[in-house]
Amino acid sequence: MHLTAPAAPRTRPRTRDADGMAVASFILGLLGLLVLNLFLGPIAIALAAVALWRGTARKGRAYLGLFLGVADLAVLGIAMELSNTVSWSL
């Protein structure tokens, strides 16, 4: 009778996915300051929150993405208030 150890289950490292989300959050938040801030801001916020929740090693980028996502929405709100429209342009 030959006994073998059971194979370890293959799991993907969650931190690698979280690191990618942190970087994506930063990039989308940065892009959101220029275009489509109504859509990119909330996406950046959500990605940053999930990356932080999953324990990313890139916490600085996740927090920066979170800040930029909030800034996207703040810029949109200020621009809408100043121009009395639902959109803004440079």
Protein backbone atom coordinates (compact mmCIF):
# COMPACT_ATOMS: atom_id res chain seq x y z
CA MET A 1 0.00 0.00 0.00
CA HIS A 2 1.50 3.29 -1.15
CA LEU A 3 0.33 6.44 0.59
CA THR A 4 0.83 9.86 -0.93
CA ALA A 5 0.16 13.22 0.56
CA PRO A 6 -2.94 14.93 -0.75
CA ALA A 7 -2.21 17.63 -3.28
CA ALA A 8 -2.42 21.15 -1.96
CA PRO A 9 -5.30 23.08 -3.46
CA ARG A 10 -4.20 25.59 -6.07
CA THR A 11 -5.13 29.07 -5.02
CA ARG A 12 -4.20 32.32 -6.67
CA PRO A 13 -2.54 34.82 -4.43
CA ARG A 14 -5.13 37.44 -3.57
CA THR A 15 -2.46 40.04 -2.95
CA ARG A 16 -1.33 39.96 -6.58
CA ASP A 17 -4.88 40.67 -7.73
CA ALA A 18 -5.16 43.36 -5.08
CA ASP A 19 -1.91 44.97 -6.24
CA GLY A 20 -3.28 45.15 -9.77
CA MET A 21 -6.48 46.70 -8.48
CA ALA A 22 -4.51 49.32 -6.55
CA VAL A 23 -2.57 50.31 -9.67
CA ALA A 24 -5.73 50.33 -11.79
CA SER A 25 -7.45 52.50 -9.20
CA PHE A 26 -4.61 55.02 -9.35
CA ILE A 27 -4.59 55.13 -13.16
CA LEU A 28 -8.37 55.42 -13.48
CA GLY A 29 -8.50 58.10 -10.80
CA LEU A 30 -5.81 60.05 -12.62
CA LEU A 31 -7.58 59.71 -15.97
CA GLY A 32 -10.86 60.65 -14.33
CA LEU A 33 -9.53 64.11 -13.57
CA LEU A 34 -9.41 64.73 -17.32
CA VAL A 35 -12.25 62.72 -18.87
CA LEU A 36 -15.31 60.73 -17.82
CA ASN A 37 -14.95 61.61 -14.15
CA LEU A 38 -18.57 60.63 -13.45
CA PHE A 39 -17.74 57.03 -14.41
CA LEU A 40 -14.05 56.67 -13.62
CA GLY A 41 -14.24 58.28 -10.16
CA PRO A 42 -16.58 55.68 -8.62
CA ILE A 43 -14.71 52.84 -10.33
CA ALA A 44 -11.41 54.10 -8.89
CA ILE A 45 -12.99 54.34 -5.43
CA ALA A 46 -14.40 50.80 -5.64
CA LEU A 47 -11.13 49.29 -6.90
CA ALA A 48 -9.14 51.04 -4.17
CA ALA A 49 -11.54 49.84 -1.48
CA VAL A 50 -11.39 46.23 -2.69
CA ALA A 51 -7.59 46.37 -3.00
CA LEU A 52 -7.27 47.64 0.56
CA TRP A 53 -9.78 45.06 1.81
CA ARG A 54 -7.78 42.26 0.14
CA GLY A 55 -4.56 43.46 1.73
CA THR A 56 -2.59 44.93 -1.13
CA ALA A 57 1.12 45.49 -0.74
CA ARG A 58 0.69 48.77 -2.64
CA LYS A 59 -1.30 50.62 -0.03
CA GLY A 60 0.05 54.01 -1.14
CA ARG A 61 -1.28 53.54 -4.66
CA ALA A 62 -4.61 52.29 -3.35
CA TYR A 63 -5.02 55.30 -1.06
CA LEU A 64 -3.94 57.61 -3.89
CA GLY A 65 -6.51 55.97 -6.19
CA LEU A 66 -9.14 56.42 -3.50
CA PHE A 67 -8.22 60.07 -3.10
CA LEU A 68 -8.19 60.67 -6.86
CA GLY A 69 -11.57 58.96 -7.26
CA VAL A 70 -13.07 61.28 -4.65
CA ALA A 71 -11.29 64.22 -6.30
CA ASP A 72 -12.85 63.24 -9.65
CA LEU A 73 -16.31 63.56 -8.18
CA ALA A 74 -15.42 66.79 -6.36
CA VAL A 75 -14.06 68.34 -9.57
CA LEU A 76 -17.22 67.32 -11.41
CA GLY A 77 -19.42 68.78 -8.66
CA ILE A 78 -17.52 72.07 -8.59
CA ALA A 79 -17.48 72.36 -12.38
CA MET A 80 -21.20 71.62 -12.57
CA GLU A 81 -21.93 74.24 -9.92
CA LEU A 82 -19.82 76.89 -11.63
CA SER A 83 -21.18 76.29 -15.13
CA ASN A 84 -24.78 75.42 -14.15
CA THR A 85 -24.68 72.33 -16.40
CA VAL A 86 -24.42 68.60 -15.96
CA SER A 87 -21.09 68.43 -17.83
CA TRP A 88 -17.91 70.45 -18.10
CA SER A 89 -15.17 71.06 -20.60
CA LEU A 90 -11.74 72.68 -20.57
